Every structure is written in structure tokens, then in C-alpha cells.
Amino acid sequence: MDCCLITTRARRWLENGRSPRILHLFAGVCNLVDAGGEVLSLVSPAVGPGPFSLVVEGVFPAAWQAADPVRIDRANGRLVVGPLCLDTGTAAVWEARPDWSRLRSFACPLPGPLPPALETPLRGLLHGLRAADEGQIRAGAAALAGRGSGLTPAGDDVLLGVLFGLWVWQPRREWLEAIGQTAVPRTTTLSAAFLRAAAAGEATRPWHDLVGGAAGAIDRILAVGHTSGAAAWAGFAHTVRLFRAG
């Protein structure tokens, strides 16, 4: 099978990954992980690209199993996952980081309310950003990281939105690294991968749609997961409004 899109992060995974295995299997998604905890997502075109995605043309095997072997054939530019052999050399590179500065004139709608368990540490993190206090920024990130259940806990989703908001207004390396480095060791493998990518400004297709001004982009973000999109939007909107007000 051929691949149509690949990100730079996914390309690095194919070049450097060791001891790969299947991490998760979902409809239209197969997440792989290597020995270093880095993730590569094989996704269908319907799911669309993300920061560490390889978009695969065709239908995923119905008989995939979590224990299926994974092999990177670097000599021939192939990735073998169970019964599936992918020609990775045919994929075009998809730039995962949009031009966030285009959202500086964006009238960001107010988010819905967050549970107090998320709202309180978010306020602390925002206060740290307003005061340029790295200690308080790290404390806020630590209080949110891994908070909640699921593969991407709600607290991580909030941090994802905060990181994107910083990319719009204040992409200061020390702040991005402070949040990312604090949160990554405290959460799941998949959520850590999204947070590392977000600290580098890399996002999934719905956020690219937002930057590009596509109709319905906010609704598509809010529709992600059960609460993931709404939590990420809350972190983003509060961060954007913080710096616009300043």
C-alpha cells in the first residue's frame, strides 16, 4: 500500500526508531511506538494528518492484532505492520506547524466552563505566564499534566491549547519548553507525544483549518474526543485572550 502524506516528525521516526511495536488500534488509526517512547500514527485519509502521522491510502486490514510484528525496512523505504506493507517513500511531506501568527486578529470565542479541578490550575498557569514567572508556569503545568482519565487526559488537552495559544502570541522557547518538559513525564505515551509536538507548534488538521479560516473549524476542534477538543479550546482561548488583553 502507498502512503500519501508524512510529517517531518514521522519521517524521523522511520529513520531512527528502534524496536517498534503497536501501541493502539482504533478505527482508521494504528499508533506505533518505538523504544524511546516516540509515536508514529498510521491514519486513514478520513482521519487526516497530525503531527506524527503517516496517511495511508486504502483500507486498513480488518485482521490487525495488537501483537502483530512491526518492522522498518529502511533499505527499501518500507514499513511492515503485520500483514500490511507500506511504501513510505511515495508520501509527500505535510508541514505540521501552521502559521499561528495569522490568528492574531482572530476574535476568539469564549470557551465553555471547565471543571474546578482544571480551572484552578489553569488560572495558576495563566498567572505565571502573565507574570513571566517560570516557576509558576511549571507548577501550573505540573498540576494539569496527566489530570483526568483516558489516553489524552483532560489536563493535557488544556495544556495543548495553552501551547497553541502561546504560538499565536508568545512563542517563547523557555515557556514552551517549561510546559512541555514538565508535562511529558507525568502523562501517557500518546498524550506525551502530542504535548511534545504542540510545544513545537505542530497540530492536527482541525487546528490547521482554524488558522486557514476554514468554515466550521471550531466545531471540528470541539468535536474531538469526548471532551478533548473542548478542553484544548478552553486552554487556547484563555491564553489568546490573556495576551490580546495585555
Protein backbone atom coordinates (compact mmCIF):
# COMPACT_ATOMS: atom_id res chain seq x y z
CA MET A 1 0.00 0.00 0.00
CA ASP A 2 1.11 3.55 -0.69
CA CYS A 3 1.29 6.48 1.71
CA CYS A 4 0.11 9.91 0.57
CA LEU A 5 1.27 12.23 3.38
CA ILE A 6 4.00 12.14 6.03
CA THR A 7 5.22 14.69 8.56
CA THR A 8 8.84 15.51 9.33
CA ARG A 9 8.39 14.03 12.81
CA ALA A 10 7.08 10.78 11.31
CA ARG A 11 9.99 10.71 8.85
CA ARG A 12 12.44 10.98 11.76
CA TRP A 13 10.65 8.09 13.47
CA LEU A 14 11.16 5.91 10.40
CA GLU A 15 14.82 6.91 10.19
CA ASN A 16 15.69 6.49 13.88
CA GLY A 17 13.07 4.28 15.51
CA ARG A 18 14.21 1.10 17.23
CA SER A 19 12.20 -1.90 18.45
CA PRO A 20 8.85 -0.60 17.12
CA ARG A 21 5.57 -2.13 18.22
CA ILE A 22 1.85 -1.46 18.02
CA LEU A 23 0.63 0.82 20.82
CA HIS A 24 -3.08 1.24 19.98
CA LEU A 25 -5.55 0.14 17.30
CA PHE A 26 -8.64 2.20 16.54
CA ALA A 27 -10.91 2.63 13.53
CA GLY A 28 -8.70 4.22 10.88
CA VAL A 29 -5.75 4.64 13.28
CA CYS A 30 -2.81 2.44 14.23
CA ASN A 31 -0.42 4.04 16.72
CA LEU A 32 3.11 2.65 16.79
CA VAL A 33 5.72 3.35 19.46
CA ASP A 34 9.48 2.81 19.49
CA ALA A 35 11.87 2.01 22.31
CA GLY A 36 12.31 5.72 23.08
CA GLY A 37 8.57 6.31 23.54
CA GLU A 38 8.18 8.23 20.27
CA VAL A 39 4.89 7.65 18.45
CA LEU A 40 4.02 7.24 14.77
CA SER A 41 0.34 7.22 13.79
CA LEU A 42 -0.80 5.38 10.70
CA VAL A 43 -4.08 7.05 9.76
CA SER A 44 -6.64 6.83 7.02
CA PRO A 45 -7.36 9.86 4.81
CA ALA A 46 -10.72 10.22 6.60
CA VAL A 47 -8.93 10.73 9.93
CA GLY A 48 -6.47 13.18 8.37
CA PRO A 49 -2.91 14.12 9.26
CA GLY A 50 -1.48 15.08 12.62
CA PRO A 51 1.97 16.00 13.91
CA PHE A 52 3.38 12.45 13.83
CA SER A 53 1.17 10.91 11.15
CA LEU A 54 1.65 8.80 8.08
CA VAL A 55 -1.53 8.96 6.00
CA VAL A 56 -2.17 5.61 4.34
CA GLU A 57 -4.20 5.16 1.16
CA GLY A 58 -6.58 2.23 1.03
CA VAL A 59 -8.36 0.14 3.63
CA PHE A 60 -6.66 -0.92 6.87
CA PRO A 61 -6.56 -4.71 7.45
CA ALA A 62 -9.56 -5.96 9.41
CA ALA A 63 -7.42 -8.69 10.95
CA TRP A 64 -4.82 -6.43 12.57
CA GLN A 65 -3.83 -7.53 16.06
CA ALA A 66 -2.02 -5.56 18.77
CA ALA A 67 0.64 -8.29 18.90
CA ASP A 68 1.42 -8.13 15.16
CA PRO A 69 5.13 -7.58 14.46
CA VAL A 70 6.39 -4.22 13.20
CA ARG A 71 9.49 -3.86 11.04
CA ILE A 72 11.13 -0.80 9.48
CA ASP A 73 12.77 -1.72 6.15
CA ARG A 74 14.97 1.35 5.70
CA ALA A 75 16.86 -0.06 2.72
CA ASN A 76 13.69 -0.25 0.64
CA GLY A 77 11.70 2.60 2.21
CA ARG A 78 9.04 0.35 3.65
CA LEU A 79 7.20 -0.13 6.91
CA VAL A 80 5.75 -3.56 7.61
CA VAL A 81 2.98 -3.84 10.22
CA GLY A 82 1.56 -7.32 10.49
CA PRO A 83 0.05 -8.13 7.07
CA LEU A 84 0.45 -4.56 5.80
CA CYS A 85 3.48 -3.43 3.78
CA LEU A 86 3.66 0.33 3.30
CA ASP A 87 5.77 2.12 0.71
CA THR A 88 6.73 5.18 2.74
CA GLY A 89 8.90 6.73 0.03
CA THR A 90 5.87 7.81 -2.02
CA ALA A 91 4.46 10.13 0.67
CA ALA A 92 4.52 13.90 0.27
CA VAL A 93 5.66 15.90 3.31
CA TRP A 94 2.85 17.62 5.24
CA GLU A 95 4.00 20.63 7.29
CA ALA A 96 2.57 20.05 10.76
CA ARG A 97 3.18 23.56 12.09
CA PRO A 98 0.79 26.16 10.69
CA ASP A 99 1.47 29.90 10.62
CA TRP A 100 -0.02 30.58 14.05
CA SER A 101 0.61 34.33 13.76
CA ARG A 102 -2.30 34.51 11.32
CA LEU A 103 -4.63 34.14 14.33
CA ARG A 104 -3.51 37.38 15.98
CA SER A 105 -6.52 39.17 14.55
CA PHE A 106 -8.84 36.25 15.33
CA ALA A 107 -11.85 37.10 17.53
CA CYS A 108 -11.56 34.10 19.82
CA PRO A 109 -14.97 32.97 21.15
CA LEU A 110 -15.24 32.36 24.87
CA PRO A 111 -14.82 28.71 25.86
CA GLY A 112 -17.26 26.72 27.91
CA PRO A 113 -16.61 26.32 31.64
CA LEU A 114 -14.02 23.85 32.86
CA PRO A 115 -14.38 21.67 35.97
CA PRO A 116 -12.77 23.31 39.03
CA ALA A 117 -10.07 20.61 39.03
CA LEU A 118 -8.88 22.03 35.70
CA GLU A 119 -9.94 25.66 36.04
CA THR A 120 -7.90 26.31 39.19
CA PRO A 121 -4.51 25.07 37.90
CA LEU A 122 -5.16 26.74 34.54
CA ARG A 123 -5.63 30.07 36.32
CA GLY A 124 -2.35 29.50 38.12
CA LEU A 125 -0.57 28.74 34.85
CA LEU A 126 -2.04 31.82 33.18
CA HIS A 127 -0.98 33.95 36.15
CA GLY A 128 2.55 32.59 35.73
CA LEU A 129 2.51 33.50 32.04
CA ARG A 130 1.21 36.99 32.79
CA ALA A 131 3.96 37.50 35.38
CA ALA A 132 6.64 35.76 33.27
CA ASP A 133 7.29 33.54 36.30
CA GLU A 134 8.78 30.27 35.05
CA GLY A 135 8.41 28.60 38.43
CA GLN A 136 4.69 29.28 38.48
CA ILE A 137 4.39 28.21 34.84
CA ARG A 138 5.98 24.86 35.71
CA ALA A 139 3.80 24.49 38.79
CA GLY A 140 0.65 25.10 36.74
CA ALA A 141 1.77 22.63 34.07
CA ALA A 142 2.57 20.02 36.72
CA ALA A 143 -0.88 20.43 38.28
CA LEU A 144 -2.60 19.89 34.91
CA ALA A 145 -0.38 17.17 33.42
CA GLY A 146 -1.97 13.73 33.46
CA ARG A 147 -5.06 15.02 35.28
CA GLY A 148 -8.07 13.02 34.18
CA SER A 149 -8.54 9.66 32.51
CA GLY A 150 -8.04 8.25 29.03
CA LEU A 151 -5.19 8.21 26.55
CA THR A 152 -5.10 12.02 26.48
CA PRO A 153 -6.18 13.22 29.94
CA ALA A 154 -8.20 16.42 30.07
CA GLY A 155 -5.46 18.35 31.85
CA ASP A 156 -3.09 17.55 28.98
CA ASP A 157 -5.69 18.72 26.49
CA VAL A 158 -5.85 22.06 28.31
CA LEU A 159 -2.04 22.31 28.12
CA LEU A 160 -2.18 21.53 24.41
CA GLY A 161 -4.44 24.54 23.91
CA VAL A 162 -2.21 26.75 26.06
CA LEU A 163 0.82 25.80 23.94
CA PHE A 164 -1.04 26.68 20.75
CA GLY A 165 -2.13 29.99 22.27
CA LEU A 166 1.50 30.76 23.08
CA TRP A 167 2.45 30.03 19.48
CA VAL A 168 -0.04 32.68 18.40
CA TRP A 169 1.19 35.43 20.72
CA GLN A 170 4.27 34.50 22.74
CA PRO A 171 6.23 31.56 21.24
CA ARG A 172 9.00 32.00 23.81
CA ARG A 173 11.17 28.93 23.80
CA GLU A 174 11.71 28.89 27.54
CA TRP A 175 7.97 28.91 28.26
CA LEU A 176 7.16 26.26 25.65
CA GLU A 177 9.95 24.04 26.98
CA ALA A 178 8.94 24.62 30.59
CA ILE A 179 5.40 23.39 29.91
CA GLY A 180 6.44 20.52 27.67
CA GLN A 181 9.29 19.25 29.83
CA THR A 182 7.16 19.44 32.96
CA ALA A 183 4.12 17.69 31.49
CA VAL A 184 5.62 14.93 29.33
CA PRO A 185 6.97 12.71 32.15
CA ARG A 186 3.66 12.94 34.01
CA THR A 187 1.29 11.53 31.41
CA THR A 188 0.56 8.74 28.93
CA THR A 189 2.76 7.82 25.98
CA LEU A 190 0.28 9.11 23.41
CA SER A 191 -0.51 12.33 25.26
CA ALA A 192 3.21 12.98 25.77
CA ALA A 193 3.71 12.69 22.01
CA PHE A 194 1.00 15.29 21.38
CA LEU A 195 2.47 17.62 24.01
CA ARG A 196 5.99 17.38 22.56
CA ALA A 197 4.59 18.21 19.14
CA ALA A 198 2.44 21.06 20.48
CA ALA A 199 5.47 22.62 22.16
CA ALA A 200 6.99 22.71 18.67
CA GLY A 201 3.81 24.30 17.28
CA GLU A 202 2.68 21.15 15.47
CA ALA A 203 -1.05 20.39 15.32
CA THR A 204 -3.73 18.20 13.81
CA ARG A 205 -5.76 19.12 10.72
CA PRO A 206 -8.66 20.87 12.55
CA TRP A 207 -6.24 23.42 14.04
CA HIS A 208 -4.76 24.00 10.58
CA ASP A 209 -8.29 24.61 9.37
CA LEU A 210 -8.71 27.22 12.12
CA VAL A 211 -5.51 29.01 11.09
CA GLY A 212 -6.62 28.90 7.46
CA GLY A 213 -10.01 30.40 8.28
CA ALA A 214 -11.98 27.35 7.16
CA ALA A 215 -15.69 27.35 7.96
CA GLY A 216 -16.65 25.10 10.88
CA ALA A 217 -13.08 24.73 12.17
CA ILE A 218 -14.01 25.48 15.79
CA ASP A 219 -16.82 22.91 15.68
CA ARG A 220 -14.39 20.30 14.36
CA ILE A 221 -11.96 21.06 17.19
CA LEU A 222 -14.72 20.85 19.80
CA ALA A 223 -15.88 17.51 18.34
CA VAL A 224 -12.54 15.80 19.02
CA GLY A 225 -12.97 13.02 21.57
CA HIS A 226 -15.49 13.15 24.38
CA THR A 227 -14.08 16.32 25.99
CA SER A 228 -10.59 16.58 24.48
CA GLY A 229 -11.43 19.24 21.93
CA ALA A 230 -13.40 21.36 24.40
CA ALA A 231 -10.60 21.22 26.98
CA ALA A 232 -7.98 22.15 24.39
CA TRP A 233 -10.16 25.01 23.17
CA ALA A 234 -10.50 26.33 26.72
CA GLY A 235 -6.72 26.39 27.18
CA PHE A 236 -6.25 28.03 23.81
CA ALA A 237 -8.97 30.65 24.17
CA HIS A 238 -7.91 31.72 27.67
CA THR A 239 -4.27 32.04 26.58
CA VAL A 240 -5.10 34.02 23.44
CA ARG A 241 -7.39 36.36 25.37
CA LEU A 242 -4.74 36.82 28.08
CA PHE A 243 -2.19 38.16 25.62
CA ARG A 244 -4.65 40.10 23.48
CA ALA A 245 -5.84 41.90 26.58
CA GLY A 246 -2.24 42.71 27.50
